[in-house]
Amino acid sequence: MFSKNIFLRPSGFIRFLSTKRKYPINLEDEKKLPIFEYGESKPSYNRIFVWGCYLTGALGTLSKNHDLKKKTSQRSPKRLTFAEMHNVTSIGCGYGFTLFGVDSSNTKLYGTGLNTDSQIGYHTIRRNKPLEILFRPQPIILPFKSPDKAKVLKVKGGRAHSVILTNEGIFLLGNNSYGQCARRVIQDENYSLTTFINHISSVDDKVISDIQCGQDHTLILTKDGCVYSCGWGADGQTGLGHFNSVSQLTKVNGDIESEKIVKIATSADFNLALNDKGNVFGWGNTEYAQLTTTDGNQQVCHPTFIKMCTKIGNVRDIATGGTFCAVVTEEGNVYVWGYGLLGVGPSVQSSKVPLQIPATLFGVNDFQPDTCVNSVYCGINHLCAVTNYHDLYAWGRNKHNCLGLGIKNDQHFPLKVAVSGYVKDVACGIDHSVALCKPFV
């Protein structure tokens, strides 16, 4: 047997010298050596990038040597190594935590971040001492009927509860103080110690096709276009015609009663719904002019047709933050209204009517004249958009660097985020963001 020693000459040429081993290898002994198999990333696997606040553990990237006193946030997107060993197919952000749906034969769901109310499952090292913060993604075991065939389709998080859409229906876990987990409210229930996960296979025998989490309420969309809600309703966010909390999924009527809804959106206490004709409806807390009412009420408890959106054309995507709304038209133009850093410059921080963000800010130029926005996403105080070229843009309040732009300042207009991959999906929390990407190669 021979080995090769490499020497570098001053001239830069490499010379190989072959030398005999002092101890010959016994091939029979070599066959008896143990074989260690290490997980590796597959080219087909998606990539996950995270940025924003470290302190809650929502980024899932903290190491033992990390000094939180010196660095409390990630300014630019960082590749999450956890996703390199798992085929992550869906992402969701709650208030200080993150959920990952994976395509695996074993565990289908992982979570990291704040876990004060078991919103990412019950995790403990010592008995009756649950971990309130998880700094790395940990498995969440869902009570599937057929674990081998189960698939996680979508994950969403609220203030302290989570909703997971699967091919077996939805699973709800975490804080249920207002009935947001669609089960009976138990007085003085200790949510940090609960291991119960509520499972709902269907609603009124209808297949559930989409989910959304507000601060303390839940919305679901059925395959036939009906919307159901539960949870906190003090601002009318359940859309059930009253301001009470509801602990079971109840059909939402109002102006959407006879409409086929194709998408729902919420992140705090205001909701948007989009029908198959491209019309937009809204309800909930409208104190920032998200919805203009004839009687001046700032809380609307039933879905209302937003007539002013008809002036901008048919809408294909919707999103809403804590104080503002954003929509994408069929032409790929982005319109915003409400209050906050809307994306049309520092001089405009409120609007009662939809304002168009100039298309050039999303990359439209002589080299890519066909660039348009496909989808929009909202956190509480920031916004993101993804174009047909799968580029990611962000703007708004830059709390704990949740914009991922590498700067500390707030951003008054869309700016491209440096993400290494084709962006497929984005999830926005209060102070962190996550992107699901397809590799370039």
Protein backbone atom coordinates (compact mmCIF):
# COMPACT_ATOMS: atom_id res chain seq x y z
CA MET A 1 0.00 0.00 0.00
CA PHE A 2 1.23 3.49 -0.78
CA SER A 3 0.43 6.96 0.48
CA LYS A 4 1.09 10.30 -1.20
CA ASN A 5 2.90 13.19 0.45
CA ILE A 6 2.43 16.57 -1.17
CA PHE A 7 5.22 19.16 -1.34
CA LEU A 8 4.87 22.66 -2.72
CA ARG A 9 7.94 23.93 -4.55
CA PRO A 10 8.79 27.65 -4.53
CA SER A 11 7.91 27.76 -8.20
CA GLY A 12 4.35 26.77 -7.35
CA PHE A 13 4.47 23.28 -8.90
CA ILE A 14 3.23 20.36 -6.77
CA ARG A 15 5.42 17.28 -6.42
CA PHE A 16 4.05 13.92 -5.31
CA LEU A 17 6.33 11.50 -3.47
CA SER A 18 5.17 7.92 -3.04
CA THR A 19 6.32 6.16 0.11
CA LYS A 20 5.65 2.73 1.53
CA ARG A 21 3.54 2.44 4.69
CA LYS A 22 5.46 1.19 7.70
CA TYR A 23 2.55 -0.99 8.79
CA PRO A 24 0.61 -2.87 6.06
CA ILE A 25 -3.20 -2.87 6.38
CA ASN A 26 -4.94 -6.11 7.22
CA LEU A 27 -7.96 -6.17 4.92
CA GLU A 28 -9.83 -8.67 7.08
CA ASP A 29 -9.48 -6.44 10.14
CA GLU A 30 -10.55 -3.46 8.07
CA LYS A 31 -13.84 -5.19 7.16
CA LYS A 32 -14.62 -5.63 10.87
CA LEU A 33 -14.40 -1.90 11.59
CA PRO A 34 -17.78 -0.20 12.39
CA ILE A 35 -19.40 1.94 9.73
CA PHE A 36 -20.77 5.30 10.79
CA GLU A 37 -23.43 6.90 8.60
CA TYR A 38 -23.87 10.66 8.80
CA GLY A 39 -26.87 12.61 7.54
CA GLU A 40 -26.22 14.80 4.56
CA SER A 41 -28.13 17.42 2.67
CA LYS A 42 -29.80 16.31 -0.54
CA PRO A 43 -29.83 18.63 -3.55
CA SER A 44 -33.62 18.33 -3.67
CA TYR A 45 -34.05 19.50 -0.07
CA ASN A 46 -35.24 23.05 0.55
CA ARG A 47 -33.05 25.59 2.30
CA ILE A 48 -34.14 27.60 5.34
CA PHE A 49 -32.83 31.08 6.12
CA VAL A 50 -33.57 32.90 9.38
CA TRP A 51 -32.92 36.39 10.72
CA GLY A 52 -34.03 38.69 13.53
CA CYS A 53 -34.12 38.25 17.30
CA TYR A 54 -31.93 35.58 18.92
CA LEU A 55 -33.26 36.01 22.48
CA THR A 56 -36.47 33.99 22.05
CA GLY A 57 -34.75 31.05 20.36
CA ALA A 58 -37.02 31.47 17.33
CA LEU A 59 -34.08 31.37 14.90
CA GLY A 60 -33.01 27.93 16.10
CA THR A 61 -29.33 28.70 15.49
CA LEU A 62 -27.91 29.39 18.95
CA SER A 63 -24.78 27.50 19.97
CA LYS A 64 -23.34 26.93 23.44
CA ASN A 65 -20.61 29.48 22.76
CA HIS A 66 -22.98 32.25 21.68
CA ASP A 67 -22.79 35.38 23.85
CA LEU A 68 -26.26 36.99 23.99
CA LYS A 69 -24.77 40.05 25.67
CA LYS A 70 -22.72 40.83 22.57
CA LYS A 71 -25.13 39.74 19.85
CA THR A 72 -28.89 39.64 20.35
CA SER A 73 -30.01 39.49 16.73
CA GLN A 74 -29.08 38.27 13.26
CA ARG A 75 -28.96 41.20 10.83
CA SER A 76 -28.87 39.25 7.56
CA PRO A 77 -30.26 35.84 6.52
CA LYS A 78 -28.44 32.90 8.04
CA ARG A 79 -28.72 29.37 6.73
CA LEU A 80 -30.30 27.02 9.27
CA THR A 81 -28.33 23.78 9.37
CA PHE A 82 -31.31 21.91 10.82
CA ALA A 83 -32.98 22.10 7.42
CA GLU A 84 -29.96 20.47 5.79
CA MET A 85 -30.84 17.15 7.42
CA HIS A 86 -34.61 17.38 7.03
CA ASN A 87 -36.82 17.98 4.06
CA VAL A 88 -38.62 21.07 5.35
CA THR A 89 -41.75 21.73 3.29
CA SER A 90 -43.60 24.39 5.32
CA ILE A 91 -42.75 27.19 7.75
CA GLY A 92 -44.69 29.34 10.19
CA CYS A 93 -43.86 32.09 12.67
CA GLY A 94 -45.64 32.84 15.92
CA TYR A 95 -44.89 35.52 18.48
CA GLY A 96 -41.31 34.51 19.29
CA PHE A 97 -41.35 30.95 17.94
CA THR A 98 -41.04 29.11 14.64
CA LEU A 99 -42.62 25.93 13.28
CA PHE A 100 -41.24 23.62 10.58
CA GLY A 101 -43.26 20.99 8.75
CA VAL A 102 -41.02 18.24 7.33
CA ASP A 103 -41.51 15.42 4.87
CA SER A 104 -40.23 12.54 6.96
CA SER A 105 -41.23 8.99 7.73
CA ASN A 106 -40.91 9.71 11.45
CA THR A 107 -41.39 13.16 12.98
CA LYS A 108 -43.49 15.51 10.83
CA LEU A 109 -43.19 18.72 12.85
CA TYR A 110 -40.47 20.67 14.67
CA GLY A 111 -40.52 23.86 16.70
CA THR A 112 -38.09 26.30 18.30
CA GLY A 113 -38.39 29.45 20.41
CA LEU A 114 -40.74 30.58 23.17
CA ASN A 115 -42.75 27.74 24.68
CA THR A 116 -44.38 29.30 27.74
CA ASP A 117 -47.77 27.75 26.92
CA SER A 118 -46.72 24.53 25.16
CA GLN A 119 -47.33 26.22 21.82
CA ILE A 120 -44.54 24.08 20.39
CA GLY A 121 -45.33 21.01 22.46
CA TYR A 122 -44.42 19.80 25.92
CA HIS A 123 -40.65 19.55 26.39
CA THR A 124 -38.98 18.83 29.72
CA ILE A 125 -35.73 17.60 31.21
CA ARG A 126 -36.99 17.23 34.78
CA ARG A 127 -40.47 16.14 35.76
CA ASN A 128 -43.02 18.98 35.90
CA LYS A 129 -40.30 21.45 34.85
CA PRO A 130 -41.18 22.25 31.23
CA LEU A 131 -38.73 24.16 29.07
CA GLU A 132 -40.12 27.62 28.36
CA ILE A 133 -37.52 28.39 25.67
CA LEU A 134 -36.11 26.03 23.06
CA PHE A 135 -33.00 27.34 21.32
CA ARG A 136 -32.83 24.56 18.72
CA PRO A 137 -35.60 22.87 16.68
CA GLN A 138 -37.18 20.03 18.64
CA PRO A 139 -39.68 17.39 17.45
CA ILE A 140 -43.40 17.85 18.14
CA ILE A 141 -45.28 14.56 18.16
CA LEU A 142 -48.76 14.86 16.68
CA PRO A 143 -51.40 12.17 17.38
CA PHE A 144 -51.81 11.00 13.79
CA LYS A 145 -54.10 8.09 13.00
CA SER A 146 -51.75 6.90 10.24
CA PRO A 147 -48.28 8.30 11.04
CA ASP A 148 -46.62 6.69 8.00
CA LYS A 149 -49.03 8.34 5.57
CA ALA A 150 -49.42 11.65 7.43
CA LYS A 151 -48.27 14.91 5.83
CA VAL A 152 -47.97 18.40 7.27
CA LEU A 153 -49.31 20.85 4.69
CA LYS A 154 -49.15 24.20 6.49
CA VAL A 155 -48.14 25.58 9.91
CA LYS A 156 -49.18 28.84 11.58
CA GLY A 157 -48.53 30.47 14.95
CA GLY A 158 -50.31 33.11 17.02
CA ARG A 159 -49.32 34.86 20.24
CA ALA A 160 -49.07 31.60 22.17
CA HIS A 161 -50.91 28.95 20.14
CA SER A 162 -50.21 26.96 16.99
CA VAL A 163 -52.33 25.44 14.24
CA ILE A 164 -51.08 22.70 11.93
CA LEU A 165 -52.88 21.70 8.74
CA THR A 166 -52.35 18.09 7.68
CA ASN A 167 -53.95 15.54 5.38
CA GLU A 168 -55.78 14.29 8.51
CA GLY A 169 -57.29 17.68 9.37
CA ILE A 170 -55.93 20.28 11.78
CA PHE A 171 -54.10 20.03 15.10
CA LEU A 172 -54.23 22.89 17.61
CA LEU A 173 -51.99 23.32 20.67
CA GLY A 174 -50.89 25.93 23.16
CA ASN A 175 -52.80 28.67 24.99
CA ASN A 176 -56.58 28.28 24.88
CA SER A 177 -57.61 31.12 27.20
CA TYR A 178 -60.09 32.47 24.64
CA GLY A 179 -60.96 29.22 22.88
CA GLN A 180 -58.45 29.80 20.06
CA CYS A 181 -57.58 26.09 20.06
CA ALA A 182 -61.24 25.26 19.30
CA ARG A 183 -61.87 23.46 22.59
CA ARG A 184 -63.63 24.24 25.85
CA VAL A 185 -61.89 26.82 28.00
CA ILE A 186 -60.81 25.32 31.33
CA GLN A 187 -60.52 27.88 34.11
CA ASP A 188 -57.02 28.21 35.59
CA GLU A 189 -55.60 25.64 33.16
CA ASN A 190 -51.81 25.50 33.35
CA TYR A 191 -50.86 25.58 29.68
CA SER A 192 -47.15 25.17 30.37
CA LEU A 193 -47.83 21.66 31.70
CA THR A 194 -50.43 20.54 29.18
CA THR A 195 -49.65 17.79 26.71
CA PHE A 196 -53.06 17.87 25.04
CA ILE A 197 -53.24 18.50 21.30
CA ASN A 198 -56.69 19.10 19.86
CA HIS A 199 -57.47 17.30 16.60
CA ILE A 200 -60.27 18.30 14.24
CA SER A 201 -60.57 16.16 11.12
CA SER A 202 -63.21 18.30 9.38
CA VAL A 203 -65.75 21.05 10.00
CA ASP A 204 -69.39 20.39 9.14
CA ASP A 205 -68.08 17.45 7.07
CA LYS A 206 -66.04 19.89 4.96
CA VAL A 207 -62.37 19.44 4.10
CA ILE A 208 -60.11 22.10 5.64
CA SER A 209 -57.84 23.67 3.02
CA ASP A 210 -56.17 26.65 4.75
CA ILE A 211 -55.41 28.04 8.22
CA GLN A 212 -54.43 31.38 9.76
CA CYS A 213 -53.56 32.51 13.29
CA GLY A 214 -54.22 35.97 14.66
CA GLN A 215 -53.02 37.12 18.05
CA ASP A 216 -55.52 35.01 19.99
CA HIS A 217 -57.95 33.79 17.35
CA THR A 218 -57.94 31.19 14.61
CA LEU A 219 -59.34 31.21 11.08
CA ILE A 220 -59.79 28.22 8.81
CA LEU A 221 -60.89 27.95 5.20
CA THR A 222 -62.71 24.93 3.81
CA LYS A 223 -62.30 23.50 0.34
CA ASP A 224 -65.68 24.83 -0.77
CA GLY A 225 -64.74 28.41 0.19
CA CYS A 226 -66.31 28.83 3.64
CA VAL A 227 -64.55 30.55 6.56
CA TYR A 228 -64.75 29.40 10.20
CA SER A 229 -63.31 31.09 13.28
CA CYS A 230 -62.82 30.73 17.02
CA GLY A 231 -61.01 32.51 19.85
CA TRP A 232 -60.87 36.08 21.12
CA GLY A 233 -63.53 38.35 19.62
CA ALA A 234 -63.31 41.59 21.63
CA ASP A 235 -62.43 43.58 18.50
CA GLY A 236 -64.74 41.65 16.20
CA GLN A 237 -61.90 39.57 14.76
CA THR A 238 -63.91 36.34 14.81
CA GLY A 239 -66.41 37.96 12.41
CA LEU A 240 -69.37 36.22 14.01
CA GLY A 241 -71.57 39.30 14.49
CA HIS A 242 -70.68 39.84 18.16
CA PHE A 243 -67.68 40.65 20.35
CA ASN A 244 -67.60 37.54 22.51
CA SER A 245 -64.96 34.82 22.59
CA VAL A 246 -65.91 31.49 21.00
CA SER A 247 -64.37 28.12 21.83
CA GLN A 248 -65.53 26.13 18.82
CA LEU A 249 -65.10 26.68 15.11
CA THR A 250 -68.14 28.61 13.89
CA LYS A 251 -69.03 29.63 10.35
CA VAL A 252 -68.39 33.27 9.44
CA ASN A 253 -71.13 34.94 7.42
CA GLY A 254 -71.59 38.67 6.74
CA ASP A 255 -70.71 39.80 3.22
CA ILE A 256 -68.81 36.55 2.51
CA GLU A 257 -71.77 34.28 3.27
CA SER A 258 -72.51 33.55 -0.39
CA GLU A 259 -68.94 34.01 -1.66
CA LYS A 260 -66.32 31.39 -2.46
CA ILE A 261 -63.31 32.51 -0.45
CA VAL A 262 -59.95 31.34 -1.78
CA LYS A 263 -57.59 32.96 0.74
CA ILE A 264 -57.64 34.35 4.29
CA ALA A 265 -55.06 36.52 6.06
CA THR A 266 -54.44 37.75 9.62
CA SER A 267 -51.56 38.32 12.03
CA ALA A 268 -53.07 40.36 14.89
CA ASP A 269 -56.70 41.47 15.29
CA PHE A 270 -57.75 42.37 11.74
CA ASN A 271 -58.57 39.93 8.93
CA LEU A 272 -58.76 39.95 5.16
CA ALA A 273 -60.49 37.48 2.86
CA LEU A 274 -60.23 37.11 -0.91
CA ASN A 275 -62.91 35.55 -3.11
CA ASP A 276 -62.58 33.78 -6.45
CA LYS A 277 -63.53 36.96 -8.32
CA GLY A 278 -60.62 38.98 -6.92
CA ASN A 279 -62.70 40.95 -4.39
CA VAL A 280 -61.44 41.74 -0.88
CA PHE A 281 -63.35 41.63 2.43
CA GLY A 282 -62.27 42.66 5.93
CA TRP A 283 -63.31 42.64 9.59
CA GLY A 284 -61.89 43.16 13.08
CA ASN A 285 -60.04 46.11 14.60
CA THR A 286 -60.05 48.95 12.06
CA GLU A 287 -58.80 51.87 14.16
CA TYR A 288 -56.02 52.48 11.62
CA ALA A 289 -58.41 52.79 8.65
CA GLN A 290 -57.86 49.24 7.44
CA LEU A 291 -61.61 49.26 6.79
CA THR A 292 -63.69 52.40 6.25
CA THR A 293 -67.09 52.24 7.94
CA THR A 294 -70.14 54.45 7.41
CA ASP A 295 -70.94 54.65 11.14
CA GLY A 296 -67.37 55.38 12.24
CA ASN A 297 -67.02 52.21 14.34
CA GLN A 298 -63.45 51.05 14.83
CA GLN A 299 -64.41 47.45 15.58
CA VAL A 300 -66.29 45.56 12.85
CA CYS A 301 -67.66 42.15 13.88
CA HIS A 302 -68.85 40.92 10.48
CA PRO A 303 -67.04 40.59 7.13
CA THR A 304 -67.46 43.70 5.02
CA PHE A 305 -66.81 44.20 1.32
CA ILE A 306 -63.90 46.63 0.82
CA LYS A 307 -65.24 48.65 -2.06
CA MET A 308 -62.17 50.86 -2.46
CA CYS A 309 -60.14 47.85 -3.63
CA THR A 310 -62.27 47.58 -6.77
CA LYS A 311 -60.56 50.73 -8.10
CA ILE A 312 -57.19 48.97 -8.29
CA GLY A 313 -58.45 45.93 -10.21
CA ASN A 314 -58.79 42.27 -9.32
CA VAL A 315 -56.64 41.09 -6.41
CA ARG A 316 -54.74 37.78 -6.31
CA ASP A 317 -52.98 37.92 -2.93
CA ILE A 318 -53.61 39.55 0.46
CA ALA A 319 -51.79 40.14 3.76
CA THR A 320 -52.40 42.18 6.90
CA GLY A 321 -50.19 43.30 9.78
CA GLY A 322 -50.92 44.96 13.09
CA THR A 323 -51.96 48.30 11.59
CA PHE A 324 -51.87 47.98 7.80
CA CYS A 325 -52.95 45.89 4.81
CA ALA A 326 -51.24 44.87 1.57
CA VAL A 327 -52.62 43.32 -1.60
CA VAL A 328 -51.25 42.19 -4.96
CA THR A 329 -53.29 42.74 -8.11
CA GLU A 330 -53.48 40.33 -11.03
CA GLU A 331 -50.96 42.55 -12.85
CA GLY A 332 -48.47 42.02 -10.01
CA ASN A 333 -48.71 45.50 -8.51
CA VAL A 334 -48.57 46.01 -4.72
CA TYR A 335 -50.98 48.33 -2.92
CA VAL A 336 -50.86 49.24 0.79
CA TRP A 337 -53.00 51.21 3.22
CA GLY A 338 -53.43 51.74 6.96
CA TYR A 339 -50.77 53.06 9.34
CA GLY A 340 -47.04 52.38 9.55
CA LEU A 341 -44.02 52.31 7.24
CA LEU A 342 -46.11 51.40 4.22
CA GLY A 343 -43.29 51.34 1.69
CA VAL A 344 -43.96 54.52 -0.28
CA GLY A 345 -41.33 56.70 1.39
CA PRO A 346 -40.77 58.41 4.77
CA SER A 347 -43.33 61.15 4.17
CA VAL A 348 -46.29 58.76 4.04
CA GLN A 349 -47.06 56.74 7.16
CA SER A 350 -50.83 56.53 6.92
CA SER A 351 -53.43 56.22 4.20
CA LYS A 352 -57.15 55.49 4.12
CA VAL A 353 -57.00 54.37 0.49
CA PRO A 354 -54.73 51.85 -1.29
CA LEU A 355 -51.45 53.36 -2.45
CA GLN A 356 -49.36 51.67 -5.12
CA ILE A 357 -45.72 50.97 -4.36
CA PRO A 358 -43.75 51.80 -7.53
CA ALA A 359 -42.95 48.65 -9.51
CA THR A 360 -39.34 49.75 -10.00
CA LEU A 361 -38.75 49.17 -6.29
CA PHE A 362 -39.38 45.46 -6.90
CA GLY A 363 -36.82 45.16 -9.68
CA VAL A 364 -38.69 46.21 -12.81
CA ASN A 365 -36.11 47.58 -15.26
CA ASP A 366 -35.02 47.41 -18.91
CA PHE A 367 -33.38 44.03 -18.34
CA GLN A 368 -36.34 42.48 -16.51
CA PRO A 369 -39.41 44.41 -17.69
CA ASP A 370 -41.72 41.49 -16.91
CA THR A 371 -40.88 41.47 -13.19
CA CYS A 372 -43.96 41.47 -10.96
CA VAL A 373 -44.85 40.58 -7.38
CA ASN A 374 -46.47 37.18 -6.82
CA SER A 375 -47.15 37.28 -3.07
CA VAL A 376 -47.01 39.50 0.02
CA TYR A 377 -46.47 38.68 3.70
CA CYS A 378 -46.93 40.72 6.87
CA GLY A 379 -45.50 40.62 10.34
CA ILE A 380 -46.87 42.91 13.01
CA ASN A 381 -44.76 45.89 11.89
CA HIS A 382 -42.98 44.80 8.71
CA LEU A 383 -43.80 43.50 5.23
CA CYS A 384 -42.23 41.21 2.65
CA ALA A 385 -42.89 40.50 -1.02
CA VAL A 386 -41.71 37.78 -3.40
CA THR A 387 -41.48 38.36 -7.16
CA ASN A 388 -41.97 36.00 -10.09
CA TYR A 389 -38.16 35.72 -10.19
CA HIS A 390 -38.32 34.46 -6.57
CA ASP A 391 -36.52 37.51 -5.20
CA LEU A 392 -37.39 38.68 -1.68
CA TYR A 393 -38.01 42.31 -0.72
CA ALA A 394 -38.63 43.69 2.79
CA TRP A 395 -39.61 47.00 4.38
CA GLY A 396 -41.15 48.44 7.58
CA ARG A 397 -40.07 48.58 11.22
CA ASN A 398 -36.74 46.81 11.67
CA LYS A 399 -37.32 45.51 15.20
CA HIS A 400 -34.37 43.29 16.18
CA ASN A 401 -33.27 43.30 12.52
CA CYS A 402 -36.34 41.37 11.38
CA LEU A 403 -35.96 42.81 7.86
CA GLY A 404 -32.72 40.92 7.21
CA LEU A 405 -31.16 43.81 5.30
CA GLY A 406 -27.92 43.95 7.28
CA ILE A 407 -28.78 47.37 8.73
CA LYS A 408 -30.34 48.55 11.99
CA ASN A 409 -32.49 51.32 10.56
CA ASP A 410 -36.16 51.09 9.64
CA GLN A 411 -36.85 50.77 5.93
CA HIS A 412 -39.29 53.17 4.21
CA PHE A 413 -39.46 51.39 0.86
CA PRO A 414 -38.89 47.81 -0.39
CA LEU A 415 -35.28 46.68 -0.48
CA LYS A 416 -33.99 43.36 -1.77
CA VAL A 417 -32.92 40.79 0.83
CA ALA A 418 -29.76 38.81 0.07
CA VAL A 419 -31.03 35.23 0.27
CA SER A 420 -29.06 32.43 -1.39
CA GLY A 421 -31.85 30.57 -3.18
CA TYR A 422 -35.16 30.87 -4.98
CA VAL A 423 -37.61 32.07 -2.34
CA LYS A 424 -40.72 29.85 -2.20
CA ASP A 425 -42.35 30.99 1.03
CA VAL A 426 -41.87 33.53 3.82
CA ALA A 427 -43.09 33.64 7.41
CA CYS A 428 -43.01 36.83 9.50
CA GLY A 429 -43.14 37.08 13.28
CA ILE A 430 -42.97 40.09 15.57
CA ASP A 431 -39.20 40.39 15.52
CA HIS A 432 -37.94 37.60 13.26
CA SER A 433 -38.50 36.21 9.79
CA VAL A 434 -37.96 32.89 8.01
CA ALA A 435 -37.62 32.08 4.31
CA LEU A 436 -38.12 28.72 2.60
CA CYS A 437 -35.94 28.51 -0.50
CA LYS A 438 -35.13 26.20 -3.35
CA PRO A 439 -31.36 25.85 -3.92
CA PHE A 440 -29.83 27.54 -6.97
CA VAL A 441 -28.19 24.24 -7.92
